[in-house]
Amino acid sequence: MTVTHGRPMTAEITDILVAHCGLDADAAARAPAASLEELGMDSLALLELSAVVADRWQVSIPEQAGQLSIPAVAELVARRADPPGHTENSVLIDAPLGLVWEVTNDVANWTELFTEYAVVDILHREGHTVRFRLTMYPDENGVTWSWVSERTADPVSRQVRAHRVETGPFEYMRIHWRYIEEAGGTRMTWTQDFAMKPTAPVDNAAMTERINTNSVIQLAVIKDRVERIARQRADQGDPAGGDGSTEAGDE
């Protein structure tokens, strides 16, 4: 159920239709799947609805809204009022690109790279594509989150594209990793594009904030751990950080 300001969006749209457009609330309650036109809303009523929605949420609704039910209108407004999430975070790692690529694409050892993953199960590999299950440590409420993702690495362009196969509270989640050599090391950038399901406990804006906050923490951890490996390899006489392979771990 889509919620706004603590109330279901369907209730908000119903209240607008009753207060501003002459909707019979009892008739709407008896036929929740009926279209606005079937509920007696004419073009003037729809114009009034559009005006109130635009003023309240800065969202426009289509002329064909009369063919939609109240829940469908509510869903449309909620989606347009809460645009899809997008984040981009990066870190400069003082280590050769080959090493950064090798370590961060070794999915089987992500429990040693990230602080949030308790278990990584590799489910399938084919070429540079790997499908795997991530299981997090229990959260503050004792809930353990787990999902299946798939990622495909391009060792030539030094990019990785990933998505959640089991989306959970997300309608979709897509992640793009980019690696670029810069003065001082390798810049690794994460771009995430996603949308939350209407039943999710948080909306797109709240999840964007969470991801941005957590990404900064995890990127700092990764920077520290990869730089430590780079120093260890340099001490062992391998300053290039490996054999320069373009393979992404075992992907």
Protein backbone atom coordinates (compact mmCIF):
# COMPACT_ATOMS: atom_id res chain seq x y z
CA MET A 1 0.00 0.00 0.00
CA THR A 2 1.38 3.36 -0.98
CA VAL A 3 1.52 5.75 1.96
CA THR A 4 2.01 9.50 2.04
CA HIS A 5 2.34 11.55 5.21
CA GLY A 6 1.24 8.51 7.20
CA ARG A 7 -1.95 7.94 5.17
CA PRO A 8 -2.66 5.57 2.27
CA MET A 9 -2.51 7.46 -1.02
CA THR A 10 -5.83 5.86 -2.01
CA ALA A 11 -7.47 7.59 0.97
CA GLU A 12 -5.86 10.91 -0.02
CA ILE A 13 -7.20 10.68 -3.58
CA THR A 14 -10.63 9.63 -2.32
CA ASP A 15 -10.77 12.60 0.03
CA ILE A 16 -9.88 14.97 -2.83
CA LEU A 17 -12.57 13.48 -5.05
CA VAL A 18 -15.18 13.78 -2.29
CA ALA A 19 -14.22 17.28 -1.17
CA HIS A 20 -13.52 18.87 -4.55
CA CYS A 21 -15.14 16.76 -7.24
CA GLY A 22 -18.48 15.64 -5.85
CA LEU A 23 -17.68 11.96 -5.46
CA ASP A 24 -20.19 9.87 -3.54
CA ALA A 25 -17.97 8.24 -0.92
CA ASP A 26 -20.40 5.39 -0.30
CA ALA A 27 -20.57 4.57 -4.00
CA ALA A 28 -16.79 4.53 -4.19
CA ALA A 29 -16.59 2.22 -1.19
CA ARG A 30 -19.08 -0.19 -2.78
CA ALA A 31 -17.14 -0.36 -6.06
CA PRO A 32 -13.41 0.05 -5.35
CA ALA A 33 -12.47 -1.26 -8.81
CA ALA A 34 -14.79 1.10 -10.69
CA SER A 35 -13.24 3.77 -12.92
CA LEU A 36 -13.68 7.44 -12.10
CA GLU A 37 -16.00 7.76 -15.10
CA GLU A 38 -18.10 4.87 -13.79
CA LEU A 39 -18.28 6.69 -10.46
CA GLY A 40 -19.76 9.72 -12.22
CA MET A 41 -16.67 11.91 -12.45
CA ASP A 42 -16.99 14.12 -15.56
CA SER A 43 -14.32 16.19 -17.33
CA LEU A 44 -14.75 19.13 -14.95
CA ALA A 45 -14.30 16.85 -11.95
CA LEU A 46 -11.14 15.40 -13.49
CA LEU A 47 -9.78 18.89 -14.12
CA GLU A 48 -10.33 19.74 -10.47
CA LEU A 49 -8.64 16.53 -9.41
CA SER A 50 -5.67 17.35 -11.65
CA ALA A 51 -5.41 20.85 -10.18
CA VAL A 52 -5.41 19.65 -6.57
CA VAL A 53 -2.92 16.85 -7.27
CA ALA A 54 -0.61 19.28 -9.08
CA ASP A 55 -0.78 21.74 -6.19
CA ARG A 56 -0.28 19.13 -3.48
CA TRP A 57 2.35 16.83 -5.04
CA GLN A 58 3.58 18.75 -8.13
CA VAL A 59 2.41 15.82 -10.23
CA SER A 60 0.37 15.89 -13.43
CA ILE A 61 -2.11 13.14 -14.23
CA PRO A 62 -3.11 12.16 -17.79
CA GLU A 63 -6.35 13.10 -19.48
CA GLN A 64 -7.24 9.42 -19.54
CA ALA A 65 -7.35 9.29 -15.74
CA GLY A 66 -11.13 8.94 -15.92
CA GLN A 67 -10.61 5.39 -17.12
CA LEU A 68 -8.64 4.51 -13.98
CA SER A 69 -9.89 3.34 -10.61
CA ILE A 70 -9.13 5.34 -7.48
CA PRO A 71 -6.36 2.89 -6.39
CA ALA A 72 -4.84 3.11 -9.89
CA VAL A 73 -4.85 6.91 -9.76
CA ALA A 74 -3.29 6.76 -6.31
CA GLU A 75 -0.54 4.46 -7.56
CA LEU A 76 0.13 6.74 -10.54
CA VAL A 77 0.41 9.81 -8.32
CA ALA A 78 2.62 8.03 -5.80
CA ARG A 79 5.04 6.90 -8.48
CA ARG A 80 5.32 10.34 -10.04
CA ALA A 81 5.66 12.02 -6.67
CA ASP A 82 8.47 9.63 -5.72
CA PRO A 83 10.76 9.36 -8.78
CA PRO A 84 13.08 6.36 -9.16
CA GLY A 85 16.17 6.33 -6.99
CA HIS A 86 19.62 7.12 -8.35
CA THR A 87 22.90 7.28 -6.48
CA GLU A 88 26.53 7.71 -7.50
CA ASN A 89 29.42 7.33 -5.10
CA SER A 90 33.14 6.89 -5.73
CA VAL A 91 36.44 6.48 -3.95
CA LEU A 92 40.06 6.95 -5.01
CA ILE A 93 42.08 3.90 -3.98
CA ASP A 94 45.87 4.18 -3.77
CA ALA A 95 46.47 0.93 -5.63
CA PRO A 96 46.99 -0.23 -9.22
CA LEU A 97 43.88 -0.69 -11.34
CA GLY A 98 44.64 -4.39 -11.86
CA LEU A 99 44.70 -5.03 -8.13
CA VAL A 100 41.55 -3.02 -7.40
CA TRP A 101 39.76 -4.87 -10.19
CA GLU A 102 40.97 -8.26 -8.98
CA VAL A 103 40.06 -7.82 -5.33
CA THR A 104 36.70 -6.08 -5.72
CA ASN A 105 35.46 -8.56 -8.32
CA ASP A 106 36.37 -11.62 -6.27
CA VAL A 107 32.75 -12.07 -5.21
CA ALA A 108 33.39 -15.28 -3.28
CA ASN A 109 35.56 -13.28 -0.85
CA TRP A 110 33.24 -10.30 -0.40
CA THR A 111 32.79 -11.23 3.25
CA GLU A 112 36.43 -10.14 3.66
CA LEU A 113 35.91 -6.93 1.68
CA PHE A 114 32.58 -5.57 2.93
CA THR A 115 31.52 -5.29 6.57
CA GLU A 116 27.83 -6.00 5.92
CA TYR A 117 27.89 -9.43 4.25
CA ALA A 118 27.95 -12.53 6.45
CA VAL A 119 27.73 -15.16 3.69
CA VAL A 120 28.29 -15.25 -0.07
CA ASP A 121 27.06 -18.32 -1.97
CA ILE A 122 28.15 -18.64 -5.60
CA LEU A 123 25.23 -20.18 -7.49
CA HIS A 124 26.40 -20.15 -11.11
CA ARG A 125 29.26 -18.95 -13.29
CA GLU A 126 29.42 -18.56 -17.04
CA GLY A 127 32.23 -16.60 -18.60
CA HIS A 128 32.44 -13.24 -16.84
CA THR A 129 28.93 -13.56 -15.37
CA VAL A 130 28.34 -14.81 -11.85
CA ARG A 131 25.07 -15.37 -10.01
CA PHE A 132 25.30 -15.41 -6.23
CA ARG A 133 23.34 -15.11 -2.99
CA LEU A 134 24.28 -12.45 -0.46
CA THR A 135 23.25 -12.79 3.17
CA MET A 136 23.74 -9.83 5.47
CA TYR A 137 24.42 -9.76 9.17
CA PRO A 138 21.20 -9.31 11.23
CA ASP A 139 20.04 -5.70 11.40
CA GLU A 140 19.14 -3.75 14.52
CA ASN A 141 15.80 -5.57 14.64
CA GLY A 142 17.37 -9.00 14.31
CA VAL A 143 16.21 -9.41 10.70
CA THR A 144 18.60 -11.13 8.29
CA TRP A 145 18.28 -9.93 4.68
CA SER A 146 19.25 -12.18 1.80
CA TRP A 147 18.86 -11.97 -1.99
CA VAL A 148 20.24 -13.28 -5.28
CA SER A 149 22.16 -10.98 -7.62
CA GLU A 150 23.88 -11.39 -10.95
CA ARG A 151 26.83 -9.39 -12.26
CA THR A 152 28.71 -9.36 -15.54
CA ALA A 153 32.21 -7.93 -15.73
CA ASP A 154 33.83 -6.45 -18.82
CA PRO A 155 37.59 -6.69 -18.19
CA VAL A 156 38.36 -4.69 -21.34
CA SER A 157 36.37 -1.57 -20.45
CA ARG A 158 36.83 -2.17 -16.70
CA GLN A 159 33.12 -1.96 -16.01
CA VAL A 160 30.65 -4.25 -14.25
CA ARG A 161 26.89 -4.29 -14.54
CA ALA A 162 24.82 -6.04 -11.91
CA HIS A 163 21.17 -6.45 -10.95
CA ARG A 164 19.13 -8.12 -8.27
CA VAL A 165 17.45 -11.32 -9.43
CA GLU A 166 15.45 -11.63 -6.23
CA THR A 167 14.35 -8.05 -5.83
CA GLY A 168 12.73 -8.20 -2.38
CA PRO A 169 11.39 -4.72 -1.50
CA PHE A 170 12.75 -3.31 -4.78
CA GLU A 171 10.88 -3.25 -8.06
CA TYR A 172 14.35 -3.32 -9.58
CA MET A 173 17.92 -2.63 -8.58
CA ARG A 174 20.68 -2.09 -11.14
CA ILE A 175 24.31 -1.34 -10.25
CA HIS A 176 27.10 -0.09 -12.51
CA TRP A 177 30.73 -0.32 -11.33
CA ARG A 178 33.39 1.75 -13.15
CA TYR A 179 37.16 1.71 -12.68
CA ILE A 180 39.43 4.48 -13.98
CA GLU A 181 43.14 5.11 -13.45
CA GLU A 182 43.86 8.54 -11.99
CA ALA A 183 46.80 10.31 -10.47
CA GLY A 184 47.15 8.72 -7.07
CA GLY A 185 45.55 5.40 -7.89
CA THR A 186 42.29 3.94 -9.15
CA ARG A 187 38.89 5.57 -8.91
CA MET A 188 36.07 3.09 -8.36
CA THR A 189 32.54 4.43 -8.87
CA TRP A 190 29.22 2.81 -7.99
CA THR A 191 26.05 3.98 -9.72
CA GLN A 192 22.76 2.52 -8.52
CA ASP A 193 19.36 2.90 -10.17
CA PHE A 194 16.31 1.46 -8.45
CA ALA A 195 12.68 1.79 -7.48
CA MET A 196 10.95 0.54 -4.36
CA LYS A 197 7.77 -1.51 -4.44
CA PRO A 198 4.62 0.21 -3.13
CA THR A 199 4.63 -2.29 -0.24
CA ALA A 200 8.23 -1.51 0.74
CA PRO A 201 8.81 -0.06 4.23
CA VAL A 202 10.60 2.96 2.72
CA ASP A 203 10.13 5.04 -0.43
CA ASN A 204 12.66 5.84 -3.14
CA ALA A 205 13.87 9.02 -1.45
CA ALA A 206 14.48 7.30 1.88
CA MET A 207 16.29 4.40 0.23
CA THR A 208 18.42 6.85 -1.75
CA GLU A 209 19.53 8.42 1.53
CA ARG A 210 20.26 5.00 3.05
CA ILE A 211 22.30 3.87 0.06
CA ASN A 212 24.29 7.09 -0.06
CA THR A 213 25.07 6.84 3.65
CA ASN A 214 26.06 3.17 3.52
CA SER A 215 28.04 3.50 0.28
CA VAL A 216 30.36 6.08 1.85
CA ILE A 217 31.03 3.68 4.74
CA GLN A 218 31.62 0.61 2.55
CA LEU A 219 33.79 2.44 0.03
CA ALA A 220 36.01 3.69 2.85
CA VAL A 221 36.34 0.14 4.17
CA ILE A 222 37.16 -1.20 0.71
CA LYS A 223 39.73 1.55 0.16
CA ASP A 224 41.46 0.66 3.41
CA ARG A 225 41.50 -3.07 2.75
CA VAL A 226 42.65 -2.87 -0.87
CA GLU A 227 45.38 -0.37 -0.01
CA ARG A 228 46.59 -2.72 2.74
CA ILE A 229 46.81 -5.57 0.21
CA ALA A 230 48.69 -3.27 -2.18
CA ARG A 231 51.25 -2.44 0.52
CA GLN A 232 51.66 -6.11 1.42
CA ARG A 233 52.28 -7.07 -2.19
CA ALA A 234 54.71 -4.19 -2.67
CA ASP A 235 56.65 -5.39 0.38
CA GLN A 236 56.79 -8.82 -1.22
CA GLY A 237 58.31 -7.34 -4.36
CA ASP A 238 55.13 -7.22 -6.46
CA PRO A 239 54.46 -3.45 -6.76
CA ALA A 240 52.16 -3.93 -9.76
CA GLY A 241 49.76 -5.78 -7.52
CA GLY A 242 49.57 -8.98 -9.52
CA ASP A 243 50.18 -10.28 -13.02
CA GLY A 244 48.12 -7.58 -14.77
CA SER A 245 45.41 -10.09 -15.72
CA THR A 246 42.20 -8.62 -17.07
CA GLU A 247 40.13 -11.37 -15.50
CA ALA A 248 37.56 -10.34 -12.90
CA GLY A 249 38.44 -12.83 -10.20
CA ASP A 250 36.80 -16.07 -11.33
CA GLU A 251 34.14 -14.24 -13.30
